[in-house]
Each structure stands twice: as C-alpha cells, then as structure tokens.
C-alpha cells in the first residue's frame, strides 16, 4: 500500500527537526481539518518491530504533538491512528507478537484507533 504524506506536514517536520531523510515507507501522515492522521500499513507496519521507524506510531504521534500541534494549536488539536484493512494474524504468523503489541499499545494509548 502506498502511504500518503502531506507535503505541508512533511515540510514542517523537516524544518523543525532539521532532517530531510525520514523513513516513511509504511507510515502515512495527513491532515484533515484540525486532526493529524497517522496511517499504518499493517503488512509493513503493525506486524513489524514497533521500535523501528516504520512501525513506531507512538513516536510519530509524539513528534506530531510536539512539533506541529504545540506550535500550531489553533490549526491542529488531535492525532488519529488509522489502520485500514486490519486482519488478525494467525497463530503461525511470524508478525503475530508484533501485531499483538501494536494492538495493545494502540488501544491503551492517548491516540484514537480507527
């Protein structure tokens, strides 16, 4: 699945973090009204190690909160996690443990899972 990255959000992050080389191959960042949305591709995101860049939705949420929401409070006021096509892993799926950790963390965090 090709992830969408909002160019305005990307420019803000590149400027604020002084970094032009984000690995966003399995994370999408978008803005819809006052909501910043993180979209995760389940095949390459939620079933992988959540401590690595492409699956680390909590880290991306903190970055969006710190570098966008706090600096533009009248423009953005929440972060939403979007996971299209959630498919529960089977008992033999190699990514099952990572997915279970992802599901637990996403449902027990400040972020709304959709």
C-alpha atoms as a PDB file:
ATOM      1  CA  UNK A   1       0.000   0.000   0.000  1.00  0.00           C
ATOM      2  CA  UNK A   2       1.388   3.418  -0.965  1.00  0.00           C
ATOM      3  CA  UNK A   3       1.275   5.777   2.004  1.00  0.00           C
ATOM      4  CA  UNK A   4       0.222   9.400   1.609  1.00  0.00           C
ATOM      5  CA  UNK A   5       2.425  12.018   3.246  1.00  0.00           C
ATOM      6  CA  UNK A   6       1.010  15.523   3.389  1.00  0.00           C
ATOM      7  CA  UNK A   7       3.699  17.800   1.919  1.00  0.00           C
ATOM      8  CA  UNK A   8       2.874  20.671   4.311  1.00  0.00           C
ATOM      9  CA  UNK A   9       3.302  18.435   7.370  1.00  0.00           C
ATOM     10  CA  UNK A  10       6.492  16.949   5.938  1.00  0.00           C
ATOM     11  CA  UNK A  11       7.958  20.432   5.323  1.00  0.00           C
ATOM     12  CA  UNK A  12       7.171  21.483   8.913  1.00  0.00           C
ATOM     13  CA  UNK A  13       8.791  18.340  10.314  1.00  0.00           C
ATOM     14  CA  UNK A  14      11.851  18.677   8.084  1.00  0.00           C
ATOM     15  CA  UNK A  15      12.306  22.287   9.191  1.00  0.00           C
ATOM     16  CA  UNK A  16      11.603  21.735  12.897  1.00  0.00           C
ATOM     17  CA  UNK A  17      13.746  18.606  13.182  1.00  0.00           C
ATOM     18  CA  UNK A  18      16.402  19.775  10.707  1.00  0.00           C
ATOM     19  CA  UNK A  19      16.140  16.401   8.980  1.00  0.00           C
ATOM     20  CA  UNK A  20      15.248  15.599   5.378  1.00  0.00           C
ATOM     21  CA  UNK A  21      15.580  11.815   5.482  1.00  0.00           C
ATOM     22  CA  UNK A  22      12.538  10.328   7.215  1.00  0.00           C
ATOM     23  CA  UNK A  23      11.703   6.683   6.540  1.00  0.00           C
ATOM     24  CA  UNK A  24       8.003   6.957   5.770  1.00  0.00           C
ATOM     25  CA  UNK A  25       7.558   3.897   3.579  1.00  0.00           C
ATOM     26  CA  UNK A  26       4.922   2.290   5.818  1.00  0.00           C
ATOM     27  CA  UNK A  27       3.535   5.330   7.648  1.00  0.00           C
ATOM     28  CA  UNK A  28       1.264   7.956   6.173  1.00  0.00           C
ATOM     29  CA  UNK A  29       0.922  11.441   7.669  1.00  0.00           C
ATOM     30  CA  UNK A  30      -2.012  13.606   6.713  1.00  0.00           C
ATOM     31  CA  UNK A  31      -4.192  16.429   7.985  1.00  0.00           C
ATOM     32  CA  UNK A  32      -7.961  16.516   7.783  1.00  0.00           C
ATOM     33  CA  UNK A  33      -9.378  19.647   9.310  1.00  0.00           C
ATOM     34  CA  UNK A  34      -7.884  20.014  12.782  1.00  0.00           C
ATOM     35  CA  UNK A  35      -6.891  16.335  13.003  1.00  0.00           C
ATOM     36  CA  UNK A  36      -3.469  14.963  12.160  1.00  0.00           C
ATOM     37  CA  UNK A  37      -3.740  11.376  10.938  1.00  0.00           C
ATOM     38  CA  UNK A  38      -1.128   8.635  11.127  1.00  0.00           C
ATOM     39  CA  UNK A  39      -1.923   5.754   8.775  1.00  0.00           C
ATOM     40  CA  UNK A  40      -0.093   2.477   9.209  1.00  0.00           C
ATOM     41  CA  UNK A  41       0.246  -0.205   6.573  1.00  0.00           C
ATOM     42  CA  UNK A  42      -0.362  -3.364   8.575  1.00  0.00           C
ATOM     43  CA  UNK A  43       1.838  -5.587   6.434  1.00  0.00           C
ATOM     44  CA  UNK A  44       4.964  -3.492   6.822  1.00  0.00           C
ATOM     45  CA  UNK A  45       3.997  -1.559   9.939  1.00  0.00           C
ATOM     46  CA  UNK A  46       1.981  -3.249  12.667  1.00  0.00           C
ATOM     47  CA  UNK A  47       3.416  -6.697  12.049  1.00  0.00           C
ATOM     48  CA  UNK A  48       6.990  -5.430  12.396  1.00  0.00           C
ATOM     49  CA  UNK A  49       9.090  -4.388  15.350  1.00  0.00           C
ATOM     50  CA  UNK A  50       7.429  -1.289  16.816  1.00  0.00           C
ATOM     51  CA  UNK A  51      10.783   0.064  17.951  1.00  0.00           C
ATOM     52  CA  UNK A  52      11.815   0.607  14.359  1.00  0.00           C
ATOM     53  CA  UNK A  53      10.913   3.751  12.450  1.00  0.00           C
ATOM     54  CA  UNK A  54       8.214   2.425  10.069  1.00  0.00           C
ATOM     55  CA  UNK A  55       6.078   0.869  12.828  1.00  0.00           C
ATOM     56  CA  UNK A  56       6.670   3.323  15.670  1.00  0.00           C
ATOM     57  CA  UNK A  57       3.294   5.083  15.660  1.00  0.00           C
ATOM     58  CA  UNK A  58       3.682   6.282  19.264  1.00  0.00           C
ATOM     59  CA  UNK A  59       6.924   8.041  18.395  1.00  0.00           C
ATOM     60  CA  UNK A  60       5.322   9.665  15.359  1.00  0.00           C
ATOM     61  CA  UNK A  61       2.358  10.766  17.498  1.00  0.00           C
ATOM     62  CA  UNK A  62       4.722  12.420  19.995  1.00  0.00           C
ATOM     63  CA  UNK A  63       6.596  14.112  17.158  1.00  0.00           C
ATOM     64  CA  UNK A  64       3.328  15.429  15.668  1.00  0.00           C
ATOM     65  CA  UNK A  65       2.178  16.641  19.105  1.00  0.00           C
ATOM     66  CA  UNK A  66       5.470  18.348  19.929  1.00  0.00           C
ATOM     67  CA  UNK A  67       6.451  19.843  16.586  1.00  0.00           C
ATOM     68  CA  UNK A  68       3.084  20.566  14.998  1.00  0.00           C
ATOM     69  CA  UNK A  69       0.190  20.634  17.485  1.00  0.00           C
ATOM     70  CA  UNK A  70       2.075  22.581  20.167  1.00  0.00           C
ATOM     71  CA  UNK A  71       3.318  25.118  17.612  1.00  0.00           C
ATOM     72  CA  UNK A  72       0.028  25.412  15.706  1.00  0.00           C
ATOM     73  CA  UNK A  73      -2.620  24.907  18.442  1.00  0.00           C
ATOM     74  CA  UNK A  74      -5.348  26.782  16.568  1.00  0.00           C
ATOM     75  CA  UNK A  75      -4.814  24.663  13.462  1.00  0.00           C
ATOM     76  CA  UNK A  76      -4.369  21.114  14.823  1.00  0.00           C
ATOM     77  CA  UNK A  77      -5.824  19.681  18.030  1.00  0.00           C
ATOM     78  CA  UNK A  78      -5.651  15.866  17.860  1.00  0.00           C
ATOM     79  CA  UNK A  79      -3.848  12.882  16.383  1.00  0.00           C
ATOM     80  CA  UNK A  80      -5.757   9.915  14.962  1.00  0.00           C
ATOM     81  CA  UNK A  81      -4.305   6.499  14.161  1.00  0.00           C
ATOM     82  CA  UNK A  82      -5.805   4.883  11.069  1.00  0.00           C
ATOM     83  CA  UNK A  83      -5.222   1.224  10.188  1.00  0.00           C
ATOM     84  CA  UNK A  84      -7.100   0.262   7.051  1.00  0.00           C
ATOM     85  CA  UNK A  85      -7.844  -3.390   6.432  1.00  0.00           C
ATOM     86  CA  UNK A  86      -6.957  -4.775   9.849  1.00  0.00           C
ATOM     87  CA  UNK A  87      -6.576  -8.505   9.556  1.00  0.00           C
ATOM     88  CA  UNK A  88      -5.871 -10.536  12.669  1.00  0.00           C
ATOM     89  CA  UNK A  89      -2.754 -12.686  12.364  1.00  0.00           C
ATOM     90  CA  UNK A  90      -2.932 -16.456  12.593  1.00  0.00           C
ATOM     91  CA  UNK A  91      -1.148 -18.490  15.279  1.00  0.00           C
ATOM     92  CA  UNK A  92       1.652 -19.298  12.825  1.00  0.00           C
ATOM     93  CA  UNK A  93       2.086 -15.738  11.500  1.00  0.00           C
ATOM     94  CA  UNK A  94       5.651 -14.516  12.098  1.00  0.00           C
ATOM     95  CA  UNK A  95       4.411 -10.993  12.855  1.00  0.00           C
ATOM     96  CA  UNK A  96       1.789 -12.125  15.395  1.00  0.00           C
ATOM     97  CA  UNK A  97       3.669 -10.973  18.502  1.00  0.00           C
ATOM     98  CA  UNK A  98       4.451  -7.571  16.999  1.00  0.00           C
ATOM     99  CA  UNK A  99       0.817  -7.198  15.934  1.00  0.00           C
ATOM    100  CA  UNK A 100      -0.428  -8.101  19.427  1.00  0.00           C
ATOM    101  CA  UNK A 101       1.893  -5.492  20.939  1.00  0.00           C
ATOM    102  CA  UNK A 102       0.732  -2.945  18.352  1.00  0.00           C
ATOM    103  CA  UNK A 103      -2.934  -3.682  19.074  1.00  0.00           C
ATOM    104  CA  UNK A 104      -2.449  -3.446  22.850  1.00  0.00           C
ATOM    105  CA  UNK A 105      -0.468  -0.204  22.631  1.00  0.00           C
ATOM    106  CA  UNK A 106      -2.841   1.422  20.156  1.00  0.00           C
ATOM    107  CA  UNK A 107      -5.947   0.658  22.211  1.00  0.00           C
ATOM    108  CA  UNK A 108      -4.369   1.710  25.514  1.00  0.00           C
ATOM    109  CA  UNK A 109      -2.812   4.984  24.422  1.00  0.00           C
ATOM    110  CA  UNK A 110      -3.955   8.583  24.106  1.00  0.00           C
ATOM    111  CA  UNK A 111      -4.381   8.080  20.371  1.00  0.00           C
ATOM    112  CA  UNK A 112      -7.742   7.101  18.930  1.00  0.00           C
ATOM    113  CA  UNK A 113      -7.577   3.936  16.832  1.00  0.00           C
ATOM    114  CA  UNK A 114      -9.813   3.887  13.781  1.00  0.00           C
END
